[in-house]
């Protein structure tokens, strides 16, 4: 039996985290190929429905890369995103899907290596959880 390869979606702010992605590329690092990056102008634009819809549409895990605390260009977008991720986790726990499939990470522009490490850690975490019960076969 082939090893389960999780499908992950990351909502990535175009400010600090996207700069971290570019730094990782200059370091010769890359995120796993099972991770689909969705660029957004600010994590404050991520709604709980985006997170849940991603899971419903077949993603095994979803995470959000926001700017580090105090560095959001729009003041509190990353704080709003943290609250929405917490609500999505609660909903997924309540319906039996598992809230650990959704996470939020804060990142500065210089954290290129961490950008890749988090992507690999999320892949391993979701691999251990197994496929989402909503995943289409």
Foldseek 3Di string as FASTA:
>chain_A
DDQDFFAEEEEEACAFLVLLQVLLVVVVHDADPSYHYDYDNFLLPDALCNQVVVVLAAGLAYEYEHAPPPPGPVNCSLVNNQVSLVVNQVVCVVVVQHSVRYYYHHGGSNNNVVSRVVSVVSRVVSSVVPTGPNHDD
